[in-house]
Amino acid sequence: FRLEEQAVDLRLSRRLDPAWVRANAAPDGTHYLWPTLWHSLS
């Protein structure tokens, strides 16, 4: 939730609506991040 909210606050390119994430993600779930590339906002 914190990472999704920060991505929205910074207006990063790839993110989900934090409200959707809070409504649908398992509250006690385990989630994973797999790095794929560096991205920058030129």
ModelCIF file with pLDDT and N, C-alpha, C, O atoms, coordinates in Angstrom:
data_MODEL
#
_entry.id   MODEL 
#
_entity.id                         1 
_entity.type                       polymer 
_entity.pdbx_number_of_molecules   1 
#
_entity_poly.entity_id                      1 
_entity_poly.type                           'polypeptide(L)' 
_entity_poly.nstd_linkage                   no 
_entity_poly.nstd_monomer                   no 
_entity_poly.pdbx_seq_one_letter_code       FRLEEQAVDLRLSRRLDPAWVRANAAPDGTHYLWPTLWHSLS 
_entity_poly.pdbx_seq_one_letter_code_can   FRLEEQAVDLRLSRRLDPAWVRANAAPDGTHYLWPTLWHSLS 
_entity_poly.pdbx_strand_id                 A 
#
loop_
_entity_poly_seq.entity_id 
_entity_poly_seq.num 
_entity_poly_seq.mon_id 
_entity_poly_seq.hetero 
1 1  PHE n 
1 2  ARG n 
1 3  LEU n 
1 4  GLU n 
1 5  GLU n 
1 6  GLN n 
1 7  ALA n 
1 8  VAL n 
1 9  ASP n 
1 10 LEU n 
1 11 ARG n 
1 12 LEU n 
1 13 SER n 
1 14 ARG n 
1 15 ARG n 
1 16 LEU n 
1 17 ASP n 
1 18 PRO n 
1 19 ALA n 
1 20 TRP n 
1 21 VAL n 
1 22 ARG n 
1 23 ALA n 
1 24 ASN n 
1 25 ALA n 
1 26 ALA n 
1 27 PRO n 
1 28 ASP n 
1 29 GLY n 
1 30 THR n 
1 31 HIS n 
1 32 TYR n 
1 33 LEU n 
1 34 TRP n 
1 35 PRO n 
1 36 THR n 
1 37 LEU n 
1 38 TRP n 
1 39 HIS n 
1 40 SER n 
1 41 LEU n 
1 42 SER n 
#
_struct_asym.id          A 
_struct_asym.entity_id   1 
#
loop_
_ma_qa_metric.id 
_ma_qa_metric.mode 
_ma_qa_metric.name 
_ma_qa_metric.software_group_id 
_ma_qa_metric.type 
1 global pLDDT . pLDDT 
2 local  pLDDT . pLDDT 
#
_ma_qa_metric_global.metric_id      1 
_ma_qa_metric_global.metric_value   90.48 
_ma_qa_metric_global.model_id       1 
_ma_qa_metric_global.ordinal_id     1 
#
loop_
_ma_qa_metric_local.label_asym_id 
_ma_qa_metric_local.label_comp_id 
_ma_qa_metric_local.label_seq_id 
_ma_qa_metric_local.metric_id 
_ma_qa_metric_local.metric_value 
_ma_qa_metric_local.model_id 
_ma_qa_metric_local.ordinal_id 
A PHE 1  2 96.00 1 1  
A ARG 2  2 95.00 1 2  
A LEU 3  2 96.00 1 3  
A GLU 4  2 94.00 1 4  
A GLU 5  2 94.00 1 5  
A GLN 6  2 93.00 1 6  
A ALA 7  2 91.00 1 7  
A VAL 8  2 91.00 1 8  
A ASP 9  2 90.00 1 9  
A LEU 10 2 86.00 1 10 
A ARG 11 2 85.00 1 11 
A LEU 12 2 83.00 1 12 
A SER 13 2 79.00 1 13 
A ARG 14 2 87.00 1 14 
A ARG 15 2 89.00 1 15 
A LEU 16 2 89.00 1 16 
A ASP 17 2 90.00 1 17 
A PRO 18 2 92.00 1 18 
A ALA 19 2 92.00 1 19 
A TRP 20 2 93.00 1 20 
A VAL 21 2 95.00 1 21 
A ARG 22 2 95.00 1 22 
A ALA 23 2 94.00 1 23 
A ASN 24 2 95.00 1 24 
A ALA 25 2 96.00 1 25 
A ALA 26 2 97.00 1 26 
A PRO 27 2 96.00 1 27 
A ASP 28 2 95.00 1 28 
A GLY 29 2 94.00 1 29 
A THR 30 2 96.00 1 30 
A HIS 31 2 97.00 1 31 
A TYR 32 2 97.00 1 32 
A LEU 33 2 97.00 1 33 
A TRP 34 2 96.00 1 34 
A PRO 35 2 95.00 1 35 
A THR 36 2 93.00 1 36 
A LEU 37 2 87.00 1 37 
A TRP 38 2 84.00 1 38 
A HIS 39 2 78.00 1 39 
A SER 40 2 74.00 1 40 
A LEU 41 2 70.00 1 41 
A SER 42 2 74.00 1 42 
#
loop_
_atom_site.group_PDB 
_atom_site.id 
_atom_site.type_symbol 
_atom_site.label_atom_id 
_atom_site.label_alt_id 
_atom_site.label_comp_id 
_atom_site.label_asym_id 
_atom_site.label_entity_id 
_atom_site.label_seq_id 
_atom_site.pdbx_PDB_ins_code 
_atom_site.Cartn_x 
_atom_site.Cartn_y 
_atom_site.Cartn_z 
_atom_site.occupancy 
_atom_site.B_iso_or_equiv 
_atom_site.pdbx_formal_charge 
_atom_site.auth_seq_id 
_atom_site.auth_comp_id 
_atom_site.auth_asym_id 
_atom_site.auth_atom_id 
_atom_site.pdbx_PDB_model_num 
ATOM 1   N N  . PHE A 1 1  ? 0.836   -1.207  0.000   1.00 96.00 ? 1  PHE A N  1 
ATOM 2   C CA . PHE A 1 1  ? 0.000   0.000   0.000   1.00 96.00 ? 1  PHE A CA 1 
ATOM 3   C C  . PHE A 1 1  ? 0.871   1.257   0.000   1.00 96.00 ? 1  PHE A C  1 
ATOM 4   O O  . PHE A 1 1  ? 0.602   2.207   -0.736  1.00 96.00 ? 1  PHE A O  1 
ATOM 5   N N  . ARG A 1 2  ? 1.901   1.254   0.821   1.00 95.00 ? 2  ARG A N  1 
ATOM 6   C CA . ARG A 1 2  ? 2.792   2.419   0.907   1.00 95.00 ? 2  ARG A CA 1 
ATOM 7   C C  . ARG A 1 2  ? 3.492   2.671   -0.428  1.00 95.00 ? 2  ARG A C  1 
ATOM 8   O O  . ARG A 1 2  ? 3.569   3.815   -0.878  1.00 95.00 ? 2  ARG A O  1 
ATOM 9   N N  . LEU A 1 3  ? 4.001   1.619   -1.062  1.00 96.00 ? 3  LEU A N  1 
ATOM 10  C CA . LEU A 1 3  ? 4.702   1.782   -2.340  1.00 96.00 ? 3  LEU A CA 1 
ATOM 11  C C  . LEU A 1 3  ? 3.764   2.270   -3.439  1.00 96.00 ? 3  LEU A C  1 
ATOM 12  O O  . LEU A 1 3  ? 4.143   3.119   -4.245  1.00 96.00 ? 3  LEU A O  1 
ATOM 13  N N  . GLU A 1 4  ? 2.547   1.742   -3.475  1.00 94.00 ? 4  GLU A N  1 
ATOM 14  C CA . GLU A 1 4  ? 1.570   2.191   -4.478  1.00 94.00 ? 4  GLU A CA 1 
ATOM 15  C C  . GLU A 1 4  ? 1.207   3.655   -4.249  1.00 94.00 ? 4  GLU A C  1 
ATOM 16  O O  . GLU A 1 4  ? 1.104   4.424   -5.205  1.00 94.00 ? 4  GLU A O  1 
ATOM 17  N N  . GLU A 1 5  ? 1.012   4.045   -2.991  1.00 94.00 ? 5  GLU A N  1 
ATOM 18  C CA . GLU A 1 5  ? 0.665   5.436   -2.691  1.00 94.00 ? 5  GLU A CA 1 
ATOM 19  C C  . GLU A 1 5  ? 1.812   6.371   -3.047  1.00 94.00 ? 5  GLU A C  1 
ATOM 20  O O  . GLU A 1 5  ? 1.587   7.462   -3.570  1.00 94.00 ? 5  GLU A O  1 
ATOM 21  N N  . GLN A 1 6  ? 3.037   5.950   -2.768  1.00 93.00 ? 6  GLN A N  1 
ATOM 22  C CA . GLN A 1 6  ? 4.172   6.792   -3.122  1.00 93.00 ? 6  GLN A CA 1 
ATOM 23  C C  . GLN A 1 6  ? 4.295   6.933   -4.637  1.00 93.00 ? 6  GLN A C  1 
ATOM 24  O O  . GLN A 1 6  ? 4.607   8.016   -5.132  1.00 93.00 ? 6  GLN A O  1 
ATOM 25  N N  . ALA A 1 7  ? 4.053   5.856   -5.373  1.00 91.00 ? 7  ALA A N  1 
ATOM 26  C CA . ALA A 1 7  ? 4.112   5.927   -6.838  1.00 91.00 ? 7  ALA A CA 1 
ATOM 27  C C  . ALA A 1 7  ? 3.074   6.915   -7.375  1.00 91.00 ? 7  ALA A C  1 
ATOM 28  O O  . ALA A 1 7  ? 3.339   7.639   -8.334  1.00 91.00 ? 7  ALA A O  1 
ATOM 29  N N  . VAL A 1 8  ? 1.906   6.941   -6.758  1.00 91.00 ? 8  VAL A N  1 
ATOM 30  C CA . VAL A 1 8  ? 0.883   7.918   -7.165  1.00 91.00 ? 8  VAL A CA 1 
ATOM 31  C C  . VAL A 1 8  ? 1.344   9.325   -6.797  1.00 91.00 ? 8  VAL A C  1 
ATOM 32  O O  . VAL A 1 8  ? 1.257   10.235  -7.621  1.00 91.00 ? 8  VAL A O  1 
ATOM 33  N N  . ASP A 1 9  ? 1.834   9.517   -5.575  1.00 90.00 ? 9  ASP A N  1 
ATOM 34  C CA . ASP A 1 9  ? 2.289   10.845  -5.130  1.00 90.00 ? 9  ASP A CA 1 
ATOM 35  C C  . ASP A 1 9  ? 3.378   11.405  -6.046  1.00 90.00 ? 9  ASP A C  1 
ATOM 36  O O  . ASP A 1 9  ? 3.395   12.600  -6.343  1.00 90.00 ? 9  ASP A O  1 
ATOM 37  N N  . LEU A 1 10 ? 4.292   10.524  -6.495  1.00 86.00 ? 10 LEU A N  1 
ATOM 38  C CA . LEU A 1 10 ? 5.382   10.958  -7.370  1.00 86.00 ? 10 LEU A CA 1 
ATOM 39  C C  . LEU A 1 10 ? 4.976   10.968  -8.846  1.00 86.00 ? 10 LEU A C  1 
ATOM 40  O O  . LEU A 1 10 ? 5.754   11.377  -9.708  1.00 86.00 ? 10 LEU A O  1 
ATOM 41  N N  . ARG A 1 11 ? 3.758   10.517  -9.126  1.00 85.00 ? 11 ARG A N  1 
ATOM 42  C CA . ARG A 1 11 ? 3.251   10.413  -10.499 1.00 85.00 ? 11 ARG A CA 1 
ATOM 43  C C  . ARG A 1 11 ? 4.161   9.548   -11.367 1.00 85.00 ? 11 ARG A C  1 
ATOM 44  O O  . ARG A 1 11 ? 4.489   9.902   -12.499 1.00 85.00 ? 11 ARG A O  1 
ATOM 45  N N  . LEU A 1 12 ? 4.559   8.407   -10.809 1.00 83.00 ? 12 LEU A N  1 
ATOM 46  C CA . LEU A 1 12 ? 5.389   7.478   -11.553 1.00 83.00 ? 12 LEU A CA 1 
ATOM 47  C C  . LEU A 1 12 ? 4.541   6.784   -12.615 1.00 83.00 ? 12 LEU A C  1 
ATOM 48  O O  . LEU A 1 12 ? 3.316   6.732   -12.505 1.00 83.00 ? 12 LEU A O  1 
ATOM 49  N N  . SER A 1 13 ? 5.189   6.263   -13.625 1.00 79.00 ? 13 SER A N  1 
ATOM 50  C CA . SER A 1 13 ? 4.483   5.734   -14.793 1.00 79.00 ? 13 SER A CA 1 
ATOM 51  C C  . SER A 1 13 ? 3.715   4.453   -14.521 1.00 79.00 ? 13 SER A C  1 
ATOM 52  O O  . SER A 1 13 ? 2.602   4.291   -15.022 1.00 79.00 ? 13 SER A O  1 
ATOM 53  N N  . ARG A 1 14 ? 4.271   3.545   -13.747 1.00 87.00 ? 14 ARG A N  1 
ATOM 54  C CA . ARG A 1 14 ? 3.632   2.250   -13.510 1.00 87.00 ? 14 ARG A CA 1 
ATOM 55  C C  . ARG A 1 14 ? 3.209   2.125   -12.068 1.00 87.00 ? 14 ARG A C  1 
ATOM 56  O O  . ARG A 1 14 ? 4.025   2.132   -11.146 1.00 87.00 ? 14 ARG A O  1 
ATOM 57  N N  . ARG A 1 15 ? 1.877   2.008   -11.900 1.00 89.00 ? 15 ARG A N  1 
ATOM 58  C CA . ARG A 1 15 ? 1.288   1.904   -10.569 1.00 89.00 ? 15 ARG A CA 1 
ATOM 59  C C  . ARG A 1 15 ? -0.179  1.556   -10.737 1.00 89.00 ? 15 ARG A C  1 
ATOM 60  O O  . ARG A 1 15 ? -0.732  1.647   -11.833 1.00 89.00 ? 15 ARG A O  1 
ATOM 61  N N  . LEU A 1 16 ? -0.795  1.160   -9.648  1.00 89.00 ? 16 LEU A N  1 
ATOM 62  C CA . LEU A 1 16 ? -2.233  0.909   -9.612  1.00 89.00 ? 16 LEU A CA 1 
ATOM 63  C C  . LEU A 1 16 ? -2.887  1.949   -8.718  1.00 89.00 ? 16 LEU A C  1 
ATOM 64  O O  . LEU A 1 16 ? -2.214  2.637   -7.950  1.00 89.00 ? 16 LEU A O  1 
ATOM 65  N N  . ASP A 1 17 ? -4.184  2.054   -8.825  1.00 90.00 ? 17 ASP A N  1 
ATOM 66  C CA . ASP A 1 17 ? -4.941  2.923   -7.931  1.00 90.00 ? 17 ASP A CA 1 
ATOM 67  C C  . ASP A 1 17 ? -4.859  2.321   -6.524  1.00 90.00 ? 17 ASP A C  1 
ATOM 68  O O  . ASP A 1 17 ? -5.286  1.185   -6.319  1.00 90.00 ? 17 ASP A O  1 
ATOM 69  N N  . PRO A 1 18 ? -4.321  3.061   -5.559  1.00 92.00 ? 18 PRO A N  1 
ATOM 70  C CA . PRO A 1 18 ? -4.205  2.510   -4.205  1.00 92.00 ? 18 PRO A CA 1 
ATOM 71  C C  . PRO A 1 18 ? -5.543  2.047   -3.621  1.00 92.00 ? 18 PRO A C  1 
ATOM 72  O O  . PRO A 1 18 ? -5.572  1.098   -2.837  1.00 92.00 ? 18 PRO A O  1 
ATOM 73  N N  . ALA A 1 19 ? -6.638  2.692   -3.984  1.00 92.00 ? 19 ALA A N  1 
ATOM 74  C CA . ALA A 1 19 ? -7.945  2.260   -3.475  1.00 92.00 ? 19 ALA A CA 1 
ATOM 75  C C  . ALA A 1 19 ? -8.277  0.858   -3.983  1.00 92.00 ? 19 ALA A C  1 
ATOM 76  O O  . ALA A 1 19 ? -8.818  0.037   -3.242  1.00 92.00 ? 19 ALA A O  1 
ATOM 77  N N  . TRP A 1 20 ? -7.953  0.586   -5.249  1.00 93.00 ? 20 TRP A N  1 
ATOM 78  C CA . TRP A 1 20 ? -8.189  -0.754  -5.805  1.00 93.00 ? 20 TRP A CA 1 
ATOM 79  C C  . TRP A 1 20 ? -7.316  -1.773  -5.085  1.00 93.00 ? 20 TRP A C  1 
ATOM 80  O O  . TRP A 1 20 ? -7.779  -2.860  -4.739  1.00 93.00 ? 20 TRP A O  1 
ATOM 81  N N  . VAL A 1 21 ? -6.069  -1.426  -4.862  1.00 95.00 ? 21 VAL A N  1 
ATOM 82  C CA . VAL A 1 21 ? -5.139  -2.340  -4.190  1.00 95.00 ? 21 VAL A CA 1 
ATOM 83  C C  . VAL A 1 21 ? -5.647  -2.643  -2.783  1.00 95.00 ? 21 VAL A C  1 
ATOM 84  O O  . VAL A 1 21 ? -5.670  -3.803  -2.372  1.00 95.00 ? 21 VAL A O  1 
ATOM 85  N N  . ARG A 1 22 ? -6.051  -1.618  -2.045  1.00 95.00 ? 22 ARG A N  1 
ATOM 86  C CA . ARG A 1 22 ? -6.560  -1.836  -0.672  1.00 95.00 ? 22 ARG A CA 1 
ATOM 87  C C  . ARG A 1 22 ? -7.818  -2.695  -0.673  1.00 95.00 ? 22 ARG A C  1 
ATOM 88  O O  . ARG A 1 22 ? -8.011  -3.513  0.227   1.00 95.00 ? 22 ARG A O  1 
ATOM 89  N N  . ALA A 1 23 ? -8.669  -2.518  -1.669  1.00 94.00 ? 23 ALA A N  1 
ATOM 90  C CA . ALA A 1 23 ? -9.925  -3.275  -1.729  1.00 94.00 ? 23 ALA A CA 1 
ATOM 91  C C  . ALA A 1 23 ? -9.702  -4.729  -2.145  1.00 94.00 ? 23 ALA A C  1 
ATOM 92  O O  . ALA A 1 23 ? -10.498 -5.597  -1.784  1.00 94.00 ? 23 ALA A O  1 
ATOM 93  N N  . ASN A 1 24 ? -8.648  -5.007  -2.889  1.00 95.00 ? 24 ASN A N  1 
ATOM 94  C CA . ASN A 1 24 ? -8.495  -6.335  -3.481  1.00 95.00 ? 24 ASN A CA 1 
ATOM 95  C C  . ASN A 1 24 ? -7.317  -7.161  -2.974  1.00 95.00 ? 24 ASN A C  1 
ATOM 96  O O  . ASN A 1 24 ? -7.376  -8.390  -3.021  1.00 95.00 ? 24 ASN A O  1 
ATOM 97  N N  . ALA A 1 25 ? -6.263  -6.536  -2.499  1.00 96.00 ? 25 ALA A N  1 
ATOM 98  C CA . ALA A 1 25 ? -5.102  -7.292  -2.012  1.00 96.00 ? 25 ALA A CA 1 
ATOM 99  C C  . ALA A 1 25 ? -5.441  -7.940  -0.673  1.00 96.00 ? 25 ALA A C  1 
ATOM 100 O O  . ALA A 1 25 ? -6.125  -7.353  0.165   1.00 96.00 ? 25 ALA A O  1 
ATOM 101 N N  . ALA A 1 26 ? -4.952  -9.153  -0.493  1.00 97.00 ? 26 ALA A N  1 
ATOM 102 C CA . ALA A 1 26 ? -5.152  -9.844  0.779   1.00 97.00 ? 26 ALA A CA 1 
ATOM 103 C C  . ALA A 1 26 ? -4.465  -9.049  1.885   1.00 97.00 ? 26 ALA A C  1 
ATOM 104 O O  . ALA A 1 26 ? -3.266  -8.785  1.790   1.00 97.00 ? 26 ALA A O  1 
ATOM 105 N N  . PRO A 1 27 ? -5.197  -8.660  2.933   1.00 96.00 ? 27 PRO A N  1 
ATOM 106 C CA . PRO A 1 27 ? -4.601  -7.844  3.992   1.00 96.00 ? 27 PRO A CA 1 
ATOM 107 C C  . PRO A 1 27 ? -3.372  -8.485  4.632   1.00 96.00 ? 27 PRO A C  1 
ATOM 108 O O  . PRO A 1 27 ? -2.444  -7.786  5.040   1.00 96.00 ? 27 PRO A O  1 
ATOM 109 N N  . ASP A 1 28 ? -3.366  -9.803  4.719   1.00 95.00 ? 28 ASP A N  1 
ATOM 110 C CA . ASP A 1 28 ? -2.224  -10.500 5.316   1.00 95.00 ? 28 ASP A CA 1 
ATOM 111 C C  . ASP A 1 28 ? -1.424  -11.243 4.246   1.00 95.00 ? 28 ASP A C  1 
ATOM 112 O O  . ASP A 1 28 ? -0.686  -12.181 4.546   1.00 95.00 ? 28 ASP A O  1 
ATOM 113 N N  . GLY A 1 29 ? -1.581  -10.810 2.998   1.00 94.00 ? 29 GLY A N  1 
ATOM 114 C CA . GLY A 1 29 ? -0.943  -11.493 1.875   1.00 94.00 ? 29 GLY A CA 1 
ATOM 115 C C  . GLY A 1 29 ? 0.548   -11.222 1.751   1.00 94.00 ? 29 GLY A C  1 
ATOM 116 O O  . GLY A 1 29 ? 1.084   -10.266 2.311   1.00 94.00 ? 29 GLY A O  1 
ATOM 117 N N  . THR A 1 30 ? 1.187   -12.090 1.006   1.00 96.00 ? 30 THR A N  1 
ATOM 118 C CA . THR A 1 30 ? 2.583   -11.924 0.637   1.00 96.00 ? 30 THR A CA 1 
ATOM 119 C C  . THR A 1 30 ? 2.613   -11.575 -0.842  1.00 96.00 ? 30 THR A C  1 
ATOM 120 O O  . THR A 1 30 ? 1.962   -12.224 -1.660  1.00 96.00 ? 30 THR A O  1 
ATOM 121 N N  . HIS A 1 31 ? 3.377   -10.545 -1.173  1.00 97.00 ? 31 HIS A N  1 
ATOM 122 C CA . HIS A 1 31 ? 3.455   -10.028 -2.535  1.00 97.00 ? 31 HIS A CA 1 
ATOM 123 C C  . HIS A 1 31 ? 4.935   -9.956  -2.910  1.00 97.00 ? 31 HIS A C  1 
ATOM 124 O O  . HIS A 1 31 ? 5.800   -9.937  -2.035  1.00 97.00 ? 31 HIS A O  1 
ATOM 125 N N  . TYR A 1 32 ? 5.221   -9.916  -4.206  1.00 97.00 ? 32 TYR A N  1 
ATOM 126 C CA . TYR A 1 32 ? 6.610   -9.964  -4.656  1.00 97.00 ? 32 TYR A CA 1 
ATOM 127 C C  . TYR A 1 32 ? 6.904   -8.896  -5.701  1.00 97.00 ? 32 TYR A C  1 
ATOM 128 O O  . TYR A 1 32 ? 6.054   -8.561  -6.526  1.00 97.00 ? 32 TYR A O  1 
ATOM 129 N N  . LEU A 1 33 ? 8.118   -8.373  -5.652  1.00 97.00 ? 33 LEU A N  1 
ATOM 130 C CA . LEU A 1 33 ? 8.622   -7.429  -6.653  1.00 97.00 ? 33 LEU A CA 1 
ATOM 131 C C  . LEU A 1 33 ? 9.813   -8.073  -7.357  1.00 97.00 ? 33 LEU A C  1 
ATOM 132 O O  . LEU A 1 33 ? 10.775  -8.493  -6.714  1.00 97.00 ? 33 LEU A O  1 
ATOM 133 N N  . TRP A 1 34 ? 9.738   -8.147  -8.688  1.00 96.00 ? 34 TRP A N  1 
ATOM 134 C CA . TRP A 1 34 ? 10.811  -8.715  -9.506  1.00 96.00 ? 34 TRP A CA 1 
ATOM 135 C C  . TRP A 1 34 ? 11.343  -7.591  -10.387 1.00 96.00 ? 34 TRP A C  1 
ATOM 136 O O  . TRP A 1 34 ? 10.644  -7.173  -11.309 1.00 96.00 ? 34 TRP A O  1 
ATOM 137 N N  . PRO A 1 35 ? 12.549  -7.084  -10.143 1.00 95.00 ? 35 PRO A N  1 
ATOM 138 C CA . PRO A 1 35 ? 13.082  -5.969  -10.938 1.00 95.00 ? 35 PRO A CA 1 
ATOM 139 C C  . PRO A 1 35 ? 13.258  -6.350  -12.408 1.00 95.00 ? 35 PRO A C  1 
ATOM 140 O O  . PRO A 1 35 ? 13.759  -7.428  -12.727 1.00 95.00 ? 35 PRO A O  1 
ATOM 141 N N  . THR A 1 36 ? 12.833  -5.440  -13.303 1.00 93.00 ? 36 THR A N  1 
ATOM 142 C CA . THR A 1 36 ? 12.941  -5.731  -14.732 1.00 93.00 ? 36 THR A CA 1 
ATOM 143 C C  . THR A 1 36 ? 13.791  -4.725  -15.497 1.00 93.00 ? 36 THR A C  1 
ATOM 144 O O  . THR A 1 36 ? 14.472  -5.098  -16.452 1.00 93.00 ? 36 THR A O  1 
ATOM 145 N N  . LEU A 1 37 ? 13.764  -3.448  -15.093 1.00 87.00 ? 37 LEU A N  1 
ATOM 146 C CA . LEU A 1 37 ? 14.567  -2.448  -15.794 1.00 87.00 ? 37 LEU A CA 1 
ATOM 147 C C  . LEU A 1 37 ? 14.629  -1.163  -14.991 1.00 87.00 ? 37 LEU A C  1 
ATOM 148 O O  . LEU A 1 37 ? 13.841  -0.939  -14.073 1.00 87.00 ? 37 LEU A O  1 
ATOM 149 N N  . TRP A 1 38 ? 15.594  -0.320  -15.364 1.00 84.00 ? 38 TRP A N  1 
ATOM 150 C CA . TRP A 1 38 ? 15.654  1.029   -14.808 1.00 84.00 ? 38 TRP A CA 1 
ATOM 151 C C  . TRP A 1 38 ? 14.729  1.904   -15.631 1.00 84.00 ? 38 TRP A C  1 
ATOM 152 O O  . TRP A 1 38 ? 14.651  1.756   -16.851 1.00 84.00 ? 38 TRP A O  1 
ATOM 153 N N  . HIS A 1 39 ? 14.039  2.800   -14.984 1.00 78.00 ? 39 HIS A N  1 
ATOM 154 C CA . HIS A 1 39 ? 13.152  3.724   -15.682 1.00 78.00 ? 39 HIS A CA 1 
ATOM 155 C C  . HIS A 1 39 ? 13.387  5.123   -15.125 1.00 78.00 ? 39 HIS A C  1 
ATOM 156 O O  . HIS A 1 39 ? 13.589  5.301   -13.923 1.00 78.00 ? 39 HIS A O  1 
ATOM 157 N N  . SER A 1 40 ? 13.360  6.096   -16.003 1.00 74.00 ? 40 SER A N  1 
ATOM 158 C CA . SER A 1 40 ? 13.494  7.475   -15.534 1.00 74.00 ? 40 SER A CA 1 
ATOM 159 C C  . SER A 1 40 ? 12.512  8.352   -16.291 1.00 74.00 ? 40 SER A C  1 
ATOM 160 O O  . SER A 1 40 ? 12.052  8.015   -17.382 1.00 74.00 ? 40 SER A O  1 
ATOM 161 N N  . LEU A 1 41 ? 12.209  9.470   -15.689 1.00 70.00 ? 41 LEU A N  1 
ATOM 162 C CA . LEU A 1 41 ? 11.297  10.445  -16.279 1.00 70.00 ? 41 LEU A CA 1 
ATOM 163 C C  . LEU A 1 41 ? 12.140  11.615  -16.769 1.00 70.00 ? 41 LEU A C  1 
ATOM 164 O O  . LEU A 1 41 ? 12.411  12.550  -16.015 1.00 70.00 ? 41 LEU A O  1 
ATOM 165 N N  . SER A 1 42 ? 12.550  11.563  -18.019 1.00 74.00 ? 42 SER A N  1 
ATOM 166 C CA . SER A 1 42 ? 13.463  12.587  -18.539 1.00 74.00 ? 42 SER A CA 1 
ATOM 167 C C  . SER A 1 42 ? 12.854  13.986  -18.480 1.00 74.00 ? 42 SER A C  1 
ATOM 168 O O  . SER A 1 42 ? 13.497  14.957  -18.881 1.00 74.00 ? 42 SER A O  1 
#
